Protein backbone atom coordinates (compact mmCIF):
# COMPACT_ATOMS: atom_id res chain seq x y z
CA MET A 1 31.19 4.05 17.55
CA SER A 2 29.78 1.29 15.49
CA GLY A 3 27.72 0.74 12.36
CA VAL A 4 28.23 1.09 8.53
CA LEU A 5 28.43 4.09 6.15
CA GLN A 6 25.00 5.36 5.13
CA GLY A 7 24.08 4.19 1.56
CA SER A 8 26.52 1.23 1.73
CA VAL A 9 25.43 -2.04 -0.01
CA LEU A 10 26.19 -3.87 3.27
CA SER A 11 23.57 -1.83 5.22
CA PRO A 12 20.37 -3.60 3.91
CA LEU A 13 22.01 -6.95 4.29
CA LEU A 14 23.03 -6.30 7.88
CA PHE A 15 19.78 -5.02 8.78
CA LEU A 16 17.84 -7.89 7.41
CA ALA A 17 20.15 -10.18 9.15
CA TYR A 18 19.36 -8.10 12.48
CA LEU A 19 15.67 -8.71 12.11
CA ASN A 20 15.74 -12.26 11.11
CA ASP A 21 14.72 -13.78 14.16
CA ILE A 22 11.98 -11.41 14.71
CA TRP A 23 9.49 -14.09 14.30
CA TRP A 24 10.66 -16.83 16.54
CA ASN A 25 8.16 -18.27 19.10
CA MET A 26 5.48 -16.42 17.56
CA GLU A 27 1.96 -18.30 16.70
CA SER A 28 0.54 -15.37 14.44
CA THR A 29 2.03 -14.68 10.96
CA ILE A 30 4.53 -12.09 10.70
CA ARG A 31 5.68 -10.53 7.27
CA LEU A 32 8.71 -8.19 6.89
CA PHE A 33 9.52 -6.06 3.93
CA ASP A 34 12.53 -3.70 4.30
CA ASP A 35 11.55 -1.88 7.66
CA ASP A 36 7.65 -2.72 7.26
CA CYS A 37 6.39 -5.19 9.60
CA VAL A 38 2.86 -6.73 9.52
CA ILE A 39 1.46 -9.44 12.20
CA TYR A 40 -1.79 -10.83 11.84
CA ARG A 41 -3.82 -13.82 12.54
CA LYS A 42 -7.53 -15.22 12.02
CA THR A 43 -9.52 -14.09 15.08
CA ILE A 44 -12.82 -15.63 15.53
CA ASN A 45 -13.16 -15.32 19.20
CA SER A 46 -11.64 -13.68 22.36
CA ALA A 47 -9.10 -16.42 22.70
CA GLU A 48 -7.56 -15.79 19.23
CA MET A 49 -7.48 -12.12 20.13
CA GLU A 50 -5.59 -12.85 23.23
CA LYS A 51 -2.98 -14.90 21.47
CA LEU A 52 -2.57 -12.00 18.99
CA GLN A 53 -1.63 -9.85 22.15
CA LYS A 54 0.76 -12.30 23.53
CA ASP A 55 2.54 -12.23 20.22
CA LEU A 56 2.68 -8.35 20.38
CA ASP A 57 4.06 -8.55 23.99
CA LYS A 58 6.76 -11.04 22.34
CA LEU A 59 7.42 -8.49 19.83
CA GLY A 60 7.85 -5.99 22.59
CA GLU A 61 10.32 -8.17 24.41
CA TRP A 62 12.24 -8.70 21.20
CA GLU A 63 12.35 -4.97 20.80
CA ALA A 64 13.81 -4.35 24.16
CA GLU A 65 16.19 -7.37 23.91
CA ASN A 66 17.56 -5.96 20.52
CA ALA A 67 17.57 -2.28 21.20
CA MET A 68 15.23 -1.68 18.64
CA LYS A 69 12.38 1.02 18.67
CA ILE A 70 8.95 0.48 17.38
CA ASN A 71 6.76 3.47 17.58
CA PRO A 72 3.18 2.24 18.52
CA SER A 73 1.64 5.62 17.48
CA LYS A 74 2.98 5.01 14.10
CA SER A 75 1.29 1.39 14.02
CA LYS A 76 -2.22 0.52 13.20
CA ALA A 77 -4.67 -2.10 14.42
CA ILE A 78 -7.20 -3.26 11.80
CA LEU A 79 -9.94 -5.86 12.04
CA PHE A 80 -10.81 -7.10 8.59
CA LYS A 81 -14.38 -7.96 8.52
CA ARG A 82 -17.53 -7.21 6.31
CA ALA A 83 -19.73 -6.87 9.27
CA ARG A 84 -19.66 -3.69 11.38
CA VAL A 85 -17.85 -4.22 14.60
CA LYS A 86 -18.85 -2.07 17.58
CA ASP A 87 -16.22 -3.08 20.26
CA PRO A 88 -12.97 -1.27 19.76
CA LEU A 89 -9.71 -3.09 19.30
CA ASN A 90 -7.43 -2.82 22.39
CA TYR A 91 -4.19 -4.03 21.35
CA LEU A 92 -0.90 -2.97 23.24
CA LEU A 93 2.58 -2.71 22.25
CA MET A 94 4.98 -2.18 25.00
CA GLY A 95 2.22 -0.89 27.20
CA ILE A 96 0.98 1.55 24.66
CA LEU A 97 -2.39 1.35 22.90
CA ILE A 98 -2.09 0.82 19.07
CA PRO A 99 -4.36 3.22 17.35
CA GLU A 100 -7.38 1.65 15.53
CA ALA A 101 -7.69 2.59 11.92
CA SER A 102 -10.26 1.82 9.08
CA SER A 103 -7.51 1.36 6.50
CA CYS A 104 -3.80 1.19 6.00
CA LYS A 105 -1.38 1.32 3.14
CA TYR A 106 1.00 -1.70 2.69
CA LEU A 107 3.32 -1.85 -0.11
CA GLY A 108 1.61 0.78 -1.95
CA ILE A 109 -1.72 -1.00 -1.71
CA ILE A 110 -4.70 0.33 0.55
CA LEU A 111 -6.27 -2.20 2.43
CA HIS A 112 -9.68 -1.45 3.92
CA ARG A 113 -11.23 -3.17 6.85
CA GLU A 114 -14.32 -3.68 4.94
CA LEU A 115 -12.39 -5.44 2.23
CA SER A 116 -13.37 -2.57 -0.35
CA TRP A 117 -11.16 -1.48 -3.05
CA VAL A 118 -12.74 1.87 -3.54
CA ASP A 119 -9.99 3.64 -1.68
CA GLN A 120 -7.18 2.00 -3.72
CA VAL A 121 -9.06 2.45 -7.05
CA ASN A 122 -9.65 6.10 -6.33
CA TYR A 123 -6.07 6.68 -5.31
CA THR A 124 -4.75 4.84 -8.29
CA VAL A 125 -6.72 6.71 -10.53
CA GLU A 126 -6.04 10.05 -9.21
CA LYS A 127 -2.07 9.33 -9.11
CA ALA A 128 -2.34 8.16 -12.69
CA TRP A 129 -4.29 11.16 -13.87
CA LYS A 130 -1.88 13.39 -12.22
CA SER A 131 1.00 11.67 -14.15
CA LEU A 132 -1.01 11.53 -17.16
CA HIS A 133 -1.82 15.17 -17.28
CA PHE A 134 1.70 16.14 -16.48
CA LYS A 135 2.97 14.17 -19.41
CA MET A 136 0.27 15.65 -21.84
CA ARG A 137 1.51 19.24 -20.77
CA MET A 138 5.15 18.30 -21.09
CA LEU A 139 4.77 16.31 -24.35
CA LYS A 140 2.15 18.40 -26.01
CA LYS A 141 4.12 19.08 -29.25
CA GLY A 142 5.82 15.48 -29.13
CA ASN A 143 5.16 12.91 -31.78
CA SER A 144 3.01 9.96 -31.12
CA ASN A 145 5.78 7.56 -30.44
CA THR A 146 7.32 9.64 -27.69
CA LYS A 147 3.82 9.98 -26.18
CA THR A 148 3.13 6.55 -26.35
CA LEU A 149 6.55 5.65 -24.64
CA ALA A 150 5.74 8.04 -21.99
CA TYR A 151 2.38 6.76 -21.12
CA MET A 152 3.49 3.17 -21.22
CA SER A 153 6.64 3.96 -19.14
CA LEU A 154 5.21 6.42 -16.58
CA VAL A 155 1.39 6.02 -16.36
CA HIS A 156 0.52 2.55 -17.25
CA PRO A 157 2.66 0.94 -14.36
CA ILE A 158 0.69 2.98 -11.97
CA LEU A 159 -2.71 1.40 -13.18
CA GLU A 160 -0.90 -1.90 -13.52
CA TYR A 161 0.43 -2.14 -9.95
CA GLY A 162 -1.54 -4.51 -7.80
CA GLY A 163 -3.59 -5.74 -10.76
CA CYS A 164 -3.64 -9.14 -9.53
CA MET A 165 -5.81 -8.14 -6.68
CA LEU A 166 -7.94 -5.57 -8.54
CA GLY A 167 -8.61 -7.20 -11.77
CA SER A 168 -7.47 -6.41 -15.21
CA VAL A 169 -5.41 -3.10 -15.66
CA GLU A 170 -7.86 -2.22 -18.34
CA VAL A 171 -10.48 -1.64 -15.64
CA GLY A 172 -8.09 0.99 -14.10
CA THR A 173 -7.38 2.45 -17.37
CA ASN A 174 -10.94 2.82 -18.40
CA LYS A 175 -11.97 4.30 -15.00
CA CYS A 176 -9.15 6.96 -15.77
CA ILE A 177 -10.74 7.68 -19.08
CA ARG A 178 -14.24 8.10 -17.57
CA TRP A 179 -13.17 10.27 -14.79
CA GLY A 180 -11.17 12.52 -17.14
CA ALA A 181 -14.02 12.67 -19.42
CA LYS A 182 -16.38 13.67 -16.53
CA GLU A 183 -13.89 16.59 -15.55
CA SER A 184 -13.75 17.93 -19.04
CA GLY A 185 -17.37 17.79 -19.64
CA GLN A 186 -16.71 15.32 -22.90
CA SER A 187 -18.11 12.13 -23.88
CA CYS A 188 -15.60 9.03 -23.22
CA THR A 189 -14.98 8.49 -26.87
CA SER A 190 -14.25 12.20 -27.89
CA TYR A 191 -12.19 12.72 -24.72
CA GLU A 192 -10.24 9.47 -25.37
CA GLN A 193 -9.62 10.53 -28.89
CA SER A 194 -8.56 14.22 -28.09
CA GLU A 195 -6.53 13.55 -24.84
CA LEU A 196 -5.54 10.08 -24.60
CA GLY A 197 -5.35 8.68 -28.13
CA ASN A 198 -1.78 9.55 -28.62
CA PHE A 199 -0.67 8.16 -25.33
CA GLY A 200 -1.44 4.32 -26.30
CA VAL A 201 -4.72 3.95 -24.29
CA GLU A 202 -7.28 2.16 -26.34
């Protein structure tokens, strides 16, 4: 029997050390965060696509040598390009076809193959709205300071996450307000004053 206790502070350190050589001898760029792995490269022709496939083959060899199992069915292959591509992607890992997808979520950010942020913005707004509505119900009789603290601690960070890519956090906040106003049938101004004013949204 080998290993360490689940929840031990030593576990993540040993896991990172175990994965530390996964990128060796690869021409493509590989990024690791915890147990998430992304491998990518700029592919402008079939030769570059073949190089990416060779790196996937090397990843499969590393997997076999280190007794690790990467599930190809839980992986996704995406080609990021504004123009529509008719030819399907046929990347293999351990001889198994990696499913092609139009988008994927990486570190909480939805990346779309057409480089659109629509899915990410809609996901963020819906998540923030659910959190906001829950806090509004729970703190309906709370004072202004408590509501402001709740908003800034539990709702605002949702809108702020990934803001460096999406632009100013105020854009997400305003979209959340507009969406809530539309759902309630009120104008943005009256809705903001009646429902969001005490939550520190200006």
